[in-house]
């Protein structure tokens, strides 16, 4: 199979994987500070770091959503690399 065909298959698979993760992700980190009693979400709001309290009952969901964002970001980087390689092959 030609390289371009392999890259296109990889591109389609990555786009499907990304699409499947778009429904529930959360940008930021959920952590528990030793000096605090609960968990906090640290994220950027209008270019500044903001810390929000996360209720105990939603901590697992918030942590999963934060983890999904990290995976989503990695998939987007892989897709970008595949797109770049496709662009170079189509150019020649």
N, C-alpha and C. Protein backbone atom coordinates (compact mmCIF):
# COMPACT_ATOMS: atom_id res chain seq x y z
N UNK A 1 0.85 -1.18 0.00
CA UNK A 1 0.00 0.00 0.00
C UNK A 1 0.89 1.24 0.00
N UNK A 2 0.50 2.23 -0.77
CA UNK A 2 1.29 3.46 -0.87
C UNK A 2 1.26 4.25 0.44
N UNK A 3 2.30 4.99 0.64
CA UNK A 3 2.44 5.82 1.85
C UNK A 3 1.26 6.79 2.00
N UNK A 4 0.84 7.40 0.90
CA UNK A 4 -0.25 8.39 0.96
C UNK A 4 -1.56 7.73 1.40
N UNK A 5 -1.79 6.50 0.96
CA UNK A 5 -3.00 5.79 1.36
C UNK A 5 -2.97 5.43 2.84
N UNK A 6 -1.80 5.03 3.33
CA UNK A 6 -1.65 4.73 4.76
C UNK A 6 -1.89 5.98 5.61
N UNK A 7 -1.37 7.10 5.15
CA UNK A 7 -1.55 8.36 5.87
C UNK A 7 -3.02 8.78 5.88
N UNK A 8 -3.71 8.58 4.77
CA UNK A 8 -5.13 8.94 4.72
C UNK A 8 -5.96 8.06 5.66
N UNK A 9 -5.63 6.77 5.73
CA UNK A 9 -6.32 5.89 6.67
C UNK A 9 -6.07 6.34 8.11
N UNK A 10 -4.81 6.69 8.38
CA UNK A 10 -4.43 7.17 9.71
C UNK A 10 -5.17 8.47 10.03
N UNK A 11 -5.29 9.34 9.05
CA UNK A 11 -5.98 10.61 9.21
C UNK A 11 -7.45 10.38 9.58
N UNK A 12 -8.11 9.50 8.86
CA UNK A 12 -9.52 9.20 9.12
C UNK A 12 -9.69 8.63 10.53
N UNK A 13 -8.80 7.71 10.92
CA UNK A 13 -8.90 7.10 12.25
C UNK A 13 -8.70 8.14 13.35
N UNK A 14 -7.72 9.01 13.17
CA UNK A 14 -7.47 10.06 14.17
C UNK A 14 -8.66 11.01 14.27
N UNK A 15 -9.27 11.36 13.13
CA UNK A 15 -10.42 12.26 13.17
C UNK A 15 -11.60 11.61 13.89
N UNK A 16 -11.78 10.31 13.70
CA UNK A 16 -12.85 9.59 14.40
C UNK A 16 -12.57 9.57 15.91
N UNK A 17 -11.32 9.30 16.27
CA UNK A 17 -10.95 9.27 17.69
C UNK A 17 -11.15 10.63 18.34
N UNK A 18 -10.78 11.69 17.63
CA UNK A 18 -10.96 13.05 18.16
C UNK A 18 -12.44 13.37 18.31
N UNK A 19 -13.23 13.04 17.30
CA UNK A 19 -14.66 13.31 17.34
C UNK A 19 -15.35 12.61 18.51
N UNK A 20 -14.88 11.42 18.83
CA UNK A 20 -15.47 10.66 19.93
C UNK A 20 -15.17 11.27 21.29
N UNK A 21 -14.16 12.11 21.37
CA UNK A 21 -13.76 12.69 22.67
C UNK A 21 -14.28 14.11 22.87
N UNK A 22 -14.88 14.69 21.86
CA UNK A 22 -15.27 16.09 21.95
C UNK A 22 -16.46 16.36 22.87
N UNK A 23 -17.21 15.33 23.22
CA UNK A 23 -18.42 15.56 24.01
C UNK A 23 -18.14 15.89 25.47
N UNK A 24 -17.05 15.39 26.02
CA UNK A 24 -16.82 15.66 27.45
C UNK A 24 -15.33 15.72 27.78
N UNK A 25 -14.77 16.89 27.61
CA UNK A 25 -13.40 17.12 28.07
C UNK A 25 -13.37 18.42 28.84
N UNK A 26 -12.33 18.56 29.64
CA UNK A 26 -12.20 19.72 30.51
C UNK A 26 -10.75 20.18 30.48
N UNK A 27 -10.54 21.44 30.11
CA UNK A 27 -9.18 21.98 30.08
C UNK A 27 -8.82 22.44 31.49
N UNK A 28 -7.78 21.85 32.03
CA UNK A 28 -7.33 22.21 33.36
C UNK A 28 -6.88 20.99 34.13
N UNK A 29 -6.42 21.22 35.34
CA UNK A 29 -5.93 20.14 36.20
C UNK A 29 -6.75 20.09 37.47
N UNK A 30 -7.15 18.88 37.82
CA UNK A 30 -7.88 18.67 39.07
C UNK A 30 -6.90 18.07 40.06
N UNK A 31 -6.76 18.71 41.20
CA UNK A 31 -5.80 18.25 42.21
C UNK A 31 -6.29 18.60 43.60
N UNK A 32 -5.69 17.92 44.57
CA UNK A 32 -6.00 18.19 45.97
C UNK A 32 -4.73 18.69 46.63
N UNK A 33 -4.81 19.87 47.16
CA UNK A 33 -3.67 20.46 47.87
C UNK A 33 -3.62 19.88 49.28
N UNK A 34 -2.43 19.60 49.79
CA UNK A 34 -2.32 19.08 51.15
C UNK A 34 -2.92 20.02 52.20
N UNK A 35 -2.90 21.31 51.93
CA UNK A 35 -3.41 22.27 52.90
C UNK A 35 -4.92 22.51 52.76
N UNK A 36 -5.53 21.94 51.73
CA UNK A 36 -6.95 22.14 51.49
C UNK A 36 -7.72 20.86 51.81
N UNK A 37 -8.99 21.00 52.09
CA UNK A 37 -9.80 19.82 52.40
C UNK A 37 -10.42 19.20 51.16
N UNK A 38 -10.57 19.96 50.09
CA UNK A 38 -11.21 19.45 48.88
C UNK A 38 -10.32 19.56 47.65
N UNK A 39 -10.90 19.26 46.51
CA UNK A 39 -10.19 19.32 45.23
C UNK A 39 -10.45 20.65 44.53
N UNK A 40 -9.51 21.04 43.69
CA UNK A 40 -9.63 22.27 42.93
C UNK A 40 -9.33 22.00 41.46
N UNK A 41 -9.95 22.78 40.59
CA UNK A 41 -9.64 22.78 39.17
C UNK A 41 -8.87 24.04 38.89
N UNK A 42 -7.70 23.90 38.30
CA UNK A 42 -6.89 25.05 37.92
C UNK A 42 -6.92 25.13 36.40
N UNK A 43 -7.34 26.29 35.87
CA UNK A 43 -7.47 26.47 34.43
C UNK A 43 -7.24 27.94 34.08
N UNK A 44 -7.19 28.24 32.80
CA UNK A 44 -7.03 29.62 32.36
C UNK A 44 -8.40 30.22 32.03
N UNK A 45 -8.64 31.42 32.53
CA UNK A 45 -9.86 32.16 32.24
C UNK A 45 -9.43 33.56 31.82
N UNK A 46 -9.72 33.92 30.60
CA UNK A 46 -9.33 35.23 30.05
C UNK A 46 -7.83 35.47 30.19
N UNK A 47 -7.03 34.43 29.96
CA UNK A 47 -5.58 34.56 29.99
C UNK A 47 -4.96 34.54 31.37
N UNK A 48 -5.76 34.36 32.40
CA UNK A 48 -5.24 34.31 33.76
C UNK A 48 -5.59 32.98 34.41
N UNK A 49 -4.72 32.50 35.27
CA UNK A 49 -4.98 31.25 35.97
C UNK A 49 -6.07 31.45 37.00
N UNK A 50 -7.04 30.54 36.97
CA UNK A 50 -8.14 30.60 37.93
C UNK A 50 -8.25 29.24 38.61
N UNK A 51 -8.61 29.26 39.86
CA UNK A 51 -8.80 28.03 40.63
C UNK A 51 -10.25 27.97 41.08
N UNK A 52 -10.87 26.85 40.77
CA UNK A 52 -12.28 26.66 41.12
C UNK A 52 -12.41 25.45 42.02
N UNK A 53 -13.29 25.54 42.99
CA UNK A 53 -13.54 24.42 43.89
C UNK A 53 -14.33 23.34 43.15
N UNK A 54 -13.96 22.08 43.35
CA UNK A 54 -14.67 20.94 42.75
C UNK A 54 -15.33 20.16 43.88
N UNK A 55 -16.65 20.05 43.82
CA UNK A 55 -17.37 19.31 44.86
C UNK A 55 -16.95 17.84 44.86
N UNK A 56 -16.96 17.25 46.03
CA UNK A 56 -16.49 15.88 46.24
C UNK A 56 -17.18 14.88 45.31
N UNK A 57 -18.48 15.04 45.10
CA UNK A 57 -19.23 14.06 44.31
C UNK A 57 -18.91 14.11 42.82
N UNK A 58 -18.31 15.20 42.32
CA UNK A 58 -17.98 15.27 40.90
C UNK A 58 -16.48 15.20 40.61
N UNK A 59 -15.67 14.99 41.64
CA UNK A 59 -14.21 14.89 41.46
C UNK A 59 -13.83 13.81 40.46
N UNK A 60 -14.35 12.57 40.57
CA UNK A 60 -13.96 11.54 39.60
C UNK A 60 -14.29 11.93 38.15
N UNK A 61 -15.47 12.49 37.93
CA UNK A 61 -15.87 12.92 36.58
C UNK A 61 -14.98 14.05 36.09
N UNK A 62 -14.68 15.02 36.93
CA UNK A 62 -13.81 16.13 36.54
C UNK A 62 -12.41 15.63 36.21
N UNK A 63 -11.91 14.67 36.98
CA UNK A 63 -10.57 14.12 36.71
C UNK A 63 -10.56 13.36 35.39
N UNK A 64 -11.61 12.61 35.11
CA UNK A 64 -11.71 11.88 33.84
C UNK A 64 -11.77 12.85 32.66
N UNK A 65 -12.53 13.92 32.81
CA UNK A 65 -12.66 14.91 31.74
C UNK A 65 -11.33 15.62 31.49
N UNK A 66 -10.59 15.89 32.53
CA UNK A 66 -9.27 16.51 32.40
C UNK A 66 -8.30 15.56 31.71
N UNK A 67 -8.38 14.29 32.06
CA UNK A 67 -7.54 13.27 31.43
C UNK A 67 -7.88 13.14 29.94
N UNK A 68 -9.16 13.22 29.61
CA UNK A 68 -9.58 13.14 28.20
C UNK A 68 -9.01 14.29 27.39
N UNK A 69 -8.92 15.47 28.00
CA UNK A 69 -8.35 16.61 27.29
C UNK A 69 -6.89 16.34 26.92
N UNK A 70 -6.13 15.76 27.84
CA UNK A 70 -4.72 15.46 27.56
C UNK A 70 -4.60 14.47 26.41
N UNK A 71 -5.47 13.45 26.40
CA UNK A 71 -5.47 12.48 25.30
C UNK A 71 -5.89 13.15 23.99
N UNK A 72 -6.90 14.01 24.08
CA UNK A 72 -7.38 14.74 22.90
C UNK A 72 -6.27 15.60 22.31
N UNK A 73 -5.52 16.27 23.14
CA UNK A 73 -4.42 17.12 22.69
C UNK A 73 -3.37 16.28 21.97
N UNK A 74 -3.04 15.11 22.50
CA UNK A 74 -2.06 14.23 21.86
C UNK A 74 -2.57 13.76 20.49
N UNK A 75 -3.85 13.42 20.41
CA UNK A 75 -4.43 13.00 19.13
C UNK A 75 -4.39 14.13 18.11
N UNK A 76 -4.64 15.35 18.56
CA UNK A 76 -4.59 16.49 17.65
C UNK A 76 -3.18 16.74 17.14
N UNK A 77 -2.19 16.54 17.99
CA UNK A 77 -0.80 16.68 17.55
C UNK A 77 -0.45 15.62 16.51
N UNK A 78 -0.91 14.39 16.73
CA UNK A 78 -0.66 13.31 15.77
C UNK A 78 -1.35 13.62 14.43
N UNK A 79 -2.58 14.10 14.50
CA UNK A 79 -3.30 14.45 13.27
C UNK A 79 -2.59 15.56 12.52
N UNK A 80 -2.08 16.53 13.23
CA UNK A 80 -1.34 17.62 12.61
C UNK A 80 -0.11 17.09 11.87
N UNK A 81 0.58 16.15 12.49
CA UNK A 81 1.77 15.56 11.86
C UNK A 81 1.39 14.80 10.59
N UNK A 82 0.30 14.02 10.66
CA UNK A 82 -0.17 13.28 9.48
C UNK A 82 -0.58 14.25 8.38
N UNK A 83 -1.30 15.30 8.74
CA UNK A 83 -1.71 16.30 7.75
C UNK A 83 -0.51 16.96 7.09
N UNK A 84 0.52 17.22 7.86
CA UNK A 84 1.74 17.82 7.32
C UNK A 84 2.40 16.87 6.31
N UNK A 85 2.50 15.60 6.68
CA UNK A 85 3.10 14.62 5.78
C UNK A 85 2.28 14.47 4.49
N UNK A 86 0.95 14.49 4.61
CA UNK A 86 0.09 14.44 3.43
C UNK A 86 0.30 15.65 2.53
N UNK A 87 0.42 16.80 3.15
CA UNK A 87 0.65 18.03 2.39
C UNK A 87 1.95 17.95 1.61
N UNK A 88 2.99 17.44 2.26
CA UNK A 88 4.27 17.32 1.57
C UNK A 88 4.20 16.31 0.43
N UNK A 89 3.50 15.21 0.62
CA UNK A 89 3.39 14.19 -0.44
C UNK A 89 2.54 14.69 -1.60
N UNK A 90 1.49 15.44 -1.31
CA UNK A 90 0.63 15.97 -2.38
C UNK A 90 1.32 17.06 -3.16
N UNK A 91 2.29 17.71 -2.54
CA UNK A 91 3.01 18.81 -3.17
C UNK A 91 3.99 18.28 -4.23
N UNK A 92 4.53 17.09 -3.99
CA UNK A 92 5.55 16.58 -4.91
C UNK A 92 4.97 15.78 -6.05
